[in-house]
Amino acid sequence: YRGAWCPYCNMELQALQDELPAFLAAGAS
């Protein structure tokens, strides 16, 4: 992650957060 100043990076983090329940269900961190 480049940093809080990068809007593209922040949108990616938000998308990863949305998918986090599925990642956790698969046993991943």
PDB file of all heavy atoms in Angstrom:
ATOM      1  N   TYR A   1       0.846  -1.194   0.000  1.00  0.00           N
ATOM      2  CA  TYR A   1       0.000   0.000   0.000  1.00  0.00           C
ATOM      3  C   TYR A   1       0.880   1.243   0.000  1.00  0.00           C
ATOM      4  O   TYR A   1       1.694   1.432   0.905  1.00  0.00           O
ATOM      5  CB  TYR A   1      -0.874  -0.070   1.259  1.00  0.00           C
ATOM      6  CG  TYR A   1      -1.709   1.126   1.614  1.00  0.00           C
ATOM      7  CD1 TYR A   1      -2.618   1.670   0.715  1.00  0.00           C
ATOM      8  CD2 TYR A   1      -1.631   1.686   2.889  1.00  0.00           C
ATOM      9  CE1 TYR A   1      -3.407   2.745   1.080  1.00  0.00           C
ATOM     10  CE2 TYR A   1      -2.425   2.753   3.264  1.00  0.00           C
ATOM     11  CZ  TYR A   1      -3.304   3.285   2.353  1.00  0.00           C
ATOM     12  OH  TYR A   1      -4.097   4.348   2.711  1.00  0.00           O
ATOM     13  N   ARG A   2       0.731   2.088  -1.009  1.00  0.00           N
ATOM     14  CA  ARG A   2       1.599   3.258  -1.131  1.00  0.00           C
ATOM     15  C   ARG A   2       1.368   4.261  -0.004  1.00  0.00           C
ATOM     16  O   ARG A   2       2.315   4.831   0.522  1.00  0.00           O
ATOM     17  CB  ARG A   2       1.385   3.926  -2.486  1.00  0.00           C
ATOM     18  CG  ARG A   2       1.638   2.959  -3.633  1.00  0.00           C
ATOM     19  CD  ARG A   2       1.855   3.631  -4.968  1.00  0.00           C
ATOM     20  NE  ARG A   2       0.892   4.656  -5.302  1.00  0.00           N
ATOM     21  CZ  ARG A   2       1.088   5.589  -6.226  1.00  0.00           C
ATOM     22  NH1 ARG A   2       2.238   5.627  -6.877  1.00  0.00           N
ATOM     23  NH2 ARG A   2       0.167   6.487  -6.519  1.00  0.00           N
ATOM     24  N   GLY A   3       0.108   4.489   0.352  1.00  0.00           N
ATOM     25  CA  GLY A   3      -0.144   5.391   1.463  1.00  0.00           C
ATOM     26  C   GLY A   3      -1.505   6.052   1.403  1.00  0.00           C
ATOM     27  O   GLY A   3      -2.211   5.984   0.394  1.00  0.00           O
ATOM     28  N   ALA A   4      -1.849   6.712   2.504  1.00  0.00           N
ATOM     29  CA  ALA A   4      -3.169   7.336   2.647  1.00  0.00           C
ATOM     30  C   ALA A   4      -3.406   8.425   1.616  1.00  0.00           C
ATOM     31  O   ALA A   4      -4.560   8.759   1.319  1.00  0.00           O
ATOM     32  CB  ALA A   4      -3.314   7.916   4.054  1.00  0.00           C
ATOM     33  N   TRP A   5      -2.343   8.978   1.046  1.00  0.00           N
ATOM     34  CA  TRP A   5      -2.436  10.061   0.078  1.00  0.00           C
ATOM     35  C   TRP A   5      -2.868   9.564  -1.303  1.00  0.00           C
ATOM     36  O   TRP A   5      -3.210  10.382  -2.169  1.00  0.00           O
ATOM     37  CB  TRP A   5      -1.080  10.765  -0.040  1.00  0.00           C
ATOM     38  CG  TRP A   5       0.033   9.806  -0.309  1.00  0.00           C
ATOM     39  CD1 TRP A   5       0.786   9.156   0.632  1.00  0.00           C
ATOM     40  CD2 TRP A   5       0.492   9.350  -1.576  1.00  0.00           C
ATOM     41  NE1 TRP A   5       1.697   8.326   0.019  1.00  0.00           N
ATOM     42  CE2 TRP A   5       1.542   8.426  -1.335  1.00  0.00           C
ATOM     43  CE3 TRP A   5       0.140   9.628  -2.898  1.00  0.00           C
ATOM     44  CZ2 TRP A   5       2.228   7.779  -2.366  1.00  0.00           C
ATOM     45  CZ3 TRP A   5       0.819   8.990  -3.928  1.00  0.00           C
ATOM     46  CH2 TRP A   5       1.860   8.079  -3.646  1.00  0.00           C
ATOM     47  N   CYS A   6      -2.861   8.251  -1.531  1.00  0.00           N
ATOM     48  CA  CYS A   6      -3.152   7.693  -2.861  1.00  0.00           C
ATOM     49  C   CYS A   6      -4.604   7.218  -2.941  1.00  0.00           C
ATOM     50  O   CYS A   6      -4.957   6.204  -2.325  1.00  0.00           O
ATOM     51  CB  CYS A   6      -2.207   6.525  -3.146  1.00  0.00           C
ATOM     52  SG  CYS A   6      -2.593   5.652  -4.692  1.00  0.00           S
ATOM     53  N   PRO A   7      -5.462   7.907  -3.677  1.00  0.00           N
ATOM     54  CA  PRO A   7      -6.873   7.503  -3.737  1.00  0.00           C
ATOM     55  C   PRO A   7      -7.077   6.129  -4.357  1.00  0.00           C
ATOM     56  O   PRO A   7      -7.991   5.393  -3.963  1.00  0.00           O
ATOM     57  CB  PRO A   7      -7.534   8.605  -4.564  1.00  0.00           C
ATOM     58  CG  PRO A   7      -6.418   9.265  -5.317  1.00  0.00           C
ATOM     59  CD  PRO A   7      -5.214   9.135  -4.456  1.00  0.00           C
ATOM     60  N   TYR A   8      -6.244   5.757  -5.321  1.00  0.00           N
ATOM     61  CA  TYR A   8      -6.372   4.434  -5.943  1.00  0.00           C
ATOM     62  C   TYR A   8      -6.111   3.342  -4.899  1.00  0.00           C
ATOM     63  O   TYR A   8      -6.812   2.324  -4.851  1.00  0.00           O
ATOM     64  CB  TYR A   8      -5.391   4.284  -7.099  1.00  0.00           C
ATOM     65  CG  TYR A   8      -5.617   5.258  -8.226  1.00  0.00           C
ATOM     66  CD1 TYR A   8      -4.961   6.491  -8.250  1.00  0.00           C
ATOM     67  CD2 TYR A   8      -6.479   4.960  -9.267  1.00  0.00           C
ATOM     68  CE1 TYR A   8      -5.172   7.394  -9.281  1.00  0.00           C
ATOM     69  CE2 TYR A   8      -6.696   5.854 -10.317  1.00  0.00           C
ATOM     70  CZ  TYR A   8      -6.039   7.067 -10.303  1.00  0.00           C
ATOM     71  OH  TYR A   8      -6.248   7.961 -11.335  1.00  0.00           O
ATOM     72  N   CYS A   9      -5.101   3.569  -4.076  1.00  0.00           N
ATOM     73  CA  CYS A   9      -4.769   2.601  -3.027  1.00  0.00           C
ATOM     74  C   CYS A   9      -5.901   2.488  -2.006  1.00  0.00           C
ATOM     75  O   CYS A   9      -6.224   1.388  -1.542  1.00  0.00           O
ATOM     76  CB  CYS A   9      -3.488   3.024  -2.319  1.00  0.00           C
ATOM     77  SG  CYS A   9      -2.038   3.120  -3.367  1.00  0.00           S
ATOM     78  N   ASN A  10      -6.496   3.618  -1.648  1.00  0.00           N
ATOM     79  CA  ASN A  10      -7.577   3.586  -0.664  1.00  0.00           C
ATOM     80  C   ASN A  10      -8.796   2.844  -1.205  1.00  0.00           C
ATOM     81  O   ASN A  10      -9.457   2.094  -0.468  1.00  0.00           O
ATOM     82  CB  ASN A  10      -7.956   5.010  -0.250  1.00  0.00           C
ATOM     83  CG  ASN A  10      -6.861   5.662   0.567  1.00  0.00           C
ATOM     84  OD1 ASN A  10      -6.224   5.016   1.382  1.00  0.00           O
ATOM     85  ND2 ASN A  10      -6.638   6.943   0.344  1.00  0.00           N
ATOM     86  N   MET A  11      -9.083   3.014  -2.479  1.00  0.00           N
ATOM     87  CA  MET A  11     -10.203   2.284  -3.078  1.00  0.00           C
ATOM     88  C   MET A  11      -9.922   0.785  -3.087  1.00  0.00           C
ATOM     89  O   MET A  11     -10.828  -0.032  -2.876  1.00  0.00           O
ATOM     90  CB  MET A  11     -10.475   2.813  -4.481  1.00  0.00           C
ATOM     91  CG  MET A  11     -10.989   4.238  -4.488  1.00  0.00           C
ATOM     92  SD  MET A  11     -11.062   4.985  -6.134  1.00  0.00           S
ATOM     93  CE  MET A  11     -12.473   4.151  -6.813  1.00  0.00           C
ATOM     94  N   GLU A  12      -8.659   0.432  -3.302  1.00  0.00           N
ATOM     95  CA  GLU A  12      -8.306  -0.987  -3.261  1.00  0.00           C
ATOM     96  C   GLU A  12      -8.478  -1.552  -1.847  1.00  0.00           C
ATOM     97  O   GLU A  12      -9.025  -2.645  -1.665  1.00  0.00           O
ATOM     98  CB  GLU A  12      -6.870  -1.200  -3.721  1.00  0.00           C
ATOM     99  CG  GLU A  12      -6.464  -2.673  -3.667  1.00  0.00           C
ATOM    100  CD  GLU A  12      -5.022  -2.920  -4.039  1.00  0.00           C
ATOM    101  OE1 GLU A  12      -4.208  -1.984  -3.977  1.00  0.00           O
ATOM    102  OE2 GLU A  12      -4.707  -4.074  -4.375  1.00  0.00           O
ATOM    103  N   LEU A  13      -8.029  -0.820  -0.833  1.00  0.00           N
ATOM    104  CA  LEU A  13      -8.188  -1.291   0.541  1.00  0.00           C
ATOM    105  C   LEU A  13      -9.662  -1.477   0.894  1.00  0.00           C
ATOM    106  O   LEU A  13     -10.031  -2.440   1.570  1.00  0.00           O
ATOM    107  CB  LEU A  13      -7.533  -0.321   1.524  1.00  0.00           C
ATOM    108  CG  LEU A  13      -6.009  -0.216   1.509  1.00  0.00           C
ATOM    109  CD1 LEU A  13      -5.527   0.575   2.719  1.00  0.00           C
ATOM    110  CD2 LEU A  13      -5.335  -1.567   1.457  1.00  0.00           C
ATOM    111  N   GLN A  14     -10.497  -0.557   0.436  1.00  0.00           N
ATOM    112  CA  GLN A  14     -11.933  -0.686   0.691  1.00  0.00           C
ATOM    113  C   GLN A  14     -12.498  -1.944   0.040  1.00  0.00           C
ATOM    114  O   GLN A  14     -13.320  -2.653   0.632  1.00  0.00           O
ATOM    115  CB  GLN A  14     -12.667   0.555   0.184  1.00  0.00           C
ATOM    116  CG  GLN A  14     -12.352   1.828   0.958  1.00  0.00           C
ATOM    117  CD  GLN A  14     -12.758   3.082   0.209  1.00  0.00           C
ATOM    118  OE1 GLN A  14     -13.497   3.038  -0.766  1.00  0.00           O
ATOM    119  NE2 GLN A  14     -12.242   4.224   0.655  1.00  0.00           N
ATOM    120  N   ALA A  15     -12.046  -2.241  -1.184  1.00  0.00           N
ATOM    121  CA  ALA A  15     -12.511  -3.440  -1.883  1.00  0.00           C
ATOM    122  C   ALA A  15     -12.036  -4.706  -1.174  1.00  0.00           C
ATOM    123  O   ALA A  15     -12.768  -5.699  -1.094  1.00  0.00           O
ATOM    124  CB  ALA A  15     -12.030  -3.422  -3.326  1.00  0.00           C
ATOM    125  N   LEU A  16     -10.806  -4.674  -0.657  1.00  0.00           N
ATOM    126  CA  LEU A  16     -10.297  -5.820   0.099  1.00  0.00           C
ATOM    127  C   LEU A  16     -11.091  -6.004   1.394  1.00  0.00           C
ATOM    128  O   LEU A  16     -11.383  -7.136   1.801  1.00  0.00           O
ATOM    129  CB  LEU A  16      -8.811  -5.632   0.402  1.00  0.00           C
ATOM    130  CG  LEU A  16      -7.869  -5.809  -0.793  1.00  0.00           C
ATOM    131  CD1 LEU A  16      -6.482  -5.266  -0.460  1.00  0.00           C
ATOM    132  CD2 LEU A  16      -7.783  -7.278  -1.200  1.00  0.00           C
ATOM    133  N   GLN A  17     -11.435  -4.892   2.043  1.00  0.00           N
ATOM    134  CA  GLN A  17     -12.249  -4.979   3.259  1.00  0.00           C
ATOM    135  C   GLN A  17     -13.600  -5.614   2.953  1.00  0.00           C
ATOM    136  O   GLN A  17     -14.100  -6.447   3.724  1.00  0.00           O
ATOM    137  CB  GLN A  17     -12.440  -3.580   3.854  1.00  0.00           C
ATOM    138  CG  GLN A  17     -13.331  -3.535   5.090  1.00  0.00           C
ATOM    139  CD  GLN A  17     -12.754  -4.264   6.278  1.00  0.00           C
ATOM    140  OE1 GLN A  17     -11.570  -4.181   6.547  1.00  0.00           O
ATOM    141  NE2 GLN A  17     -13.595  -4.983   7.006  1.00  0.00           N
ATOM    142  N   ASP A  18     -14.201  -5.257   1.831  1.00  0.00           N
ATOM    143  CA  ASP A  18     -15.489  -5.840   1.450  1.00  0.00           C
ATOM    144  C   ASP A  18     -15.393  -7.354   1.274  1.00  0.00           C
ATOM    145  O   ASP A  18     -16.361  -8.079   1.543  1.00  0.00           O
ATOM    146  CB  ASP A  18     -15.997  -5.210   0.146  1.00  0.00           C
ATOM    147  CG  ASP A  18     -16.434  -3.763   0.320  1.00  0.00           C
ATOM    148  OD1 ASP A  18     -16.644  -3.335   1.465  1.00  0.00           O
ATOM    149  OD2 ASP A  18     -16.544  -3.057  -0.707  1.00  0.00           O
ATOM    150  N   GLU A  19     -14.233  -7.817   0.816  1.00  0.00           N
ATOM    151  CA  GLU A  19     -14.042  -9.248   0.551  1.00  0.00           C
ATOM    152  C   GLU A  19     -13.500  -9.989   1.773  1.00  0.00           C
ATOM    153  O   GLU A  19     -13.392 -11.219   1.755  1.00  0.00           O
ATOM    154  CB  GLU A  19     -13.077  -9.420  -0.628  1.00  0.00           C
ATOM    155  CG  GLU A  19     -13.234 -10.703  -1.423  1.00  0.00           C
ATOM    156  CD  GLU A  19     -14.501 -10.749  -2.244  1.00  0.00           C
ATOM    157  OE1 GLU A  19     -14.824  -9.747  -2.909  1.00  0.00           O
ATOM    158  OE2 GLU A  19     -15.180 -11.786  -2.201  1.00  0.00           O
ATOM    159  N   LEU A  20     -13.174  -9.246   2.830  1.00  0.00           N
ATOM    160  CA  LEU A  20     -12.526  -9.856   3.997  1.00  0.00           C
ATOM    161  C   LEU A  20     -13.305 -11.022   4.598  1.00  0.00           C
ATOM    162  O   LEU A  20     -12.694 -12.043   4.956  1.00  0.00           O
ATOM    163  CB  LEU A  20     -12.245  -8.784   5.055  1.00  0.00           C
ATOM    164  CG  LEU A  20     -11.501  -9.254   6.303  1.00  0.00           C
ATOM    165  CD1 LEU A  20     -10.146  -9.860   5.948  1.00  0.00           C
ATOM    166  CD2 LEU A  20     -11.324  -8.088   7.287  1.00  0.00           C
ATOM    167  N   PRO A  21     -14.634 -10.953   4.747  1.00  0.00           N
ATOM    168  CA  PRO A  21     -15.346 -12.112   5.308  1.00  0.00           C
ATOM    169  C   PRO A  21     -15.099 -13.400   4.524  1.00  0.00           C
ATOM    170  O   PRO A  21     -14.953 -14.479   5.113  1.00  0.00           O
ATOM    171  CB  PRO A  21     -16.818 -11.689   5.249  1.00  0.00           C
ATOM    172  CG  PRO A  21     -16.775 -10.197   5.315  1.00  0.00           C
ATOM    173  CD  PRO A  21     -15.555  -9.813   4.531  1.00  0.00           C
ATOM    174  N   ALA A  22     -15.023 -13.294   3.197  1.00  0.00           N
ATOM    175  CA  ALA A  22     -14.759 -14.480   2.380  1.00  0.00           C
ATOM    176  C   ALA A  22     -13.334 -14.983   2.596  1.00  0.00           C
ATOM    177  O   ALA A  22     -13.088 -16.199   2.630  1.00  0.00           O
ATOM    178  CB  ALA A  22     -14.994 -14.173   0.905  1.00  0.00           C
ATOM    179  N   PHE A  23     -12.381 -14.056   2.754  1.00  0.00           N
ATOM    180  CA  PHE A  23     -11.006 -14.465   3.024  1.00  0.00           C
ATOM    181  C   PHE A  23     -10.911 -15.194   4.365  1.00  0.00           C
ATOM    182  O   PHE A  23     -10.250 -16.236   4.476  1.00  0.00           O
ATOM    183  CB  PHE A  23     -10.071 -13.257   3.046  1.00  0.00           C
ATOM    184  CG  PHE A  23      -9.981 -12.491   1.756  1.00  0.00           C
ATOM    185  CD1 PHE A  23      -9.664 -11.140   1.763  1.00  0.00           C
ATOM    186  CD2 PHE A  23     -10.197 -13.106   0.531  1.00  0.00           C
ATOM    187  CE1 PHE A  23      -9.564 -10.420   0.584  1.00  0.00           C
ATOM    188  CE2 PHE A  23     -10.103 -12.399  -0.659  1.00  0.00           C
ATOM    189  CZ  PHE A  23      -9.793 -11.049  -0.627  1.00  0.00           C
ATOM    190  N   LEU A  24     -11.564 -14.630   5.373  1.00  0.00           N
ATOM    191  CA  LEU A  24     -11.530 -15.244   6.700  1.00  0.00           C
ATOM    192  C   LEU A  24     -12.194 -16.616   6.685  1.00  0.00           C
ATOM    193  O   LEU A  24     -11.713 -17.565   7.327  1.00  0.00           O
ATOM    194  CB  LEU A  24     -12.220 -14.333   7.722  1.00  0.00           C
ATOM    195  CG  LEU A  24     -11.548 -12.971   7.956  1.00  0.00           C
ATOM    196  CD1 LEU A  24     -12.379 -12.135   8.920  1.00  0.00           C
ATOM    197  CD2 LEU A  24     -10.127 -13.139   8.487  1.00  0.00           C
ATOM    198  N   ALA A  25     -13.283 -16.737   5.931  1.00  0.00           N
ATOM    199  CA  ALA A  25     -13.965 -18.028   5.830  1.00  0.00           C
ATOM    200  C   ALA A  25     -13.076 -19.079   5.189  1.00  0.00           C
ATOM    201  O   ALA A  25     -13.210 -20.279   5.471  1.00  0.00           O
ATOM    202  CB  ALA A  25     -15.261 -17.874   5.027  1.00  0.00           C
ATOM    203  N   ALA A  26     -12.143 -18.632   4.340  1.00  0.00           N
ATOM    204  CA  ALA A  26     -11.193 -19.551   3.697  1.00  0.00           C
ATOM    205  C   ALA A  26      -9.974 -19.800   4.577  1.00  0.00           C
ATOM    206  O   ALA A  26      -9.046 -20.497   4.156  1.00  0.00           O
ATOM    207  CB  ALA A  26     -10.758 -18.988   2.348  1.00  0.00           C
ATOM    208  N   GLY A  27      -9.955 -19.225   5.778  1.00  0.00           N
ATOM    209  CA  GLY A  27      -8.864 -19.458   6.713  1.00  0.00           C
ATOM    210  C   GLY A  27      -7.674 -18.550   6.540  1.00  0.00           C
ATOM    211  O   GLY A  27      -6.620 -18.777   7.148  1.00  0.00           O
ATOM    212  N   ALA A  28      -7.810 -17.499   5.738  1.00  0.00           N
ATOM    213  CA  ALA A  28      -6.672 -16.633   5.427  1.00  0.00           C
ATOM    214  C   ALA A  28      -6.645 -15.390   6.311  1.00  0.00           C
ATOM    215  O   ALA A  28      -7.676 -14.935   6.817  1.00  0.00           O
ATOM    216  CB  ALA A  28      -6.722 -16.213   3.959  1.00  0.00           C
ATOM    217  N   SER A  29      -5.441 -14.834   6.475  1.00  0.00           N
ATOM    218  CA  SER A  29      -5.244 -13.524   7.087  1.00  0.00           C
ATOM    219  C   SER A  29      -4.948 -12.517   5.986  1.00  0.00           C
ATOM    220  O   SER A  29      -4.409 -12.869   4.937  1.00  0.00           O
ATOM    221  CB  SER A  29      -4.070 -13.551   8.067  1.00  0.00           C
ATOM    222  OG  SER A  29      -4.260 -14.489   9.093  1.00  0.00           O
TER     223      SER A  29
END
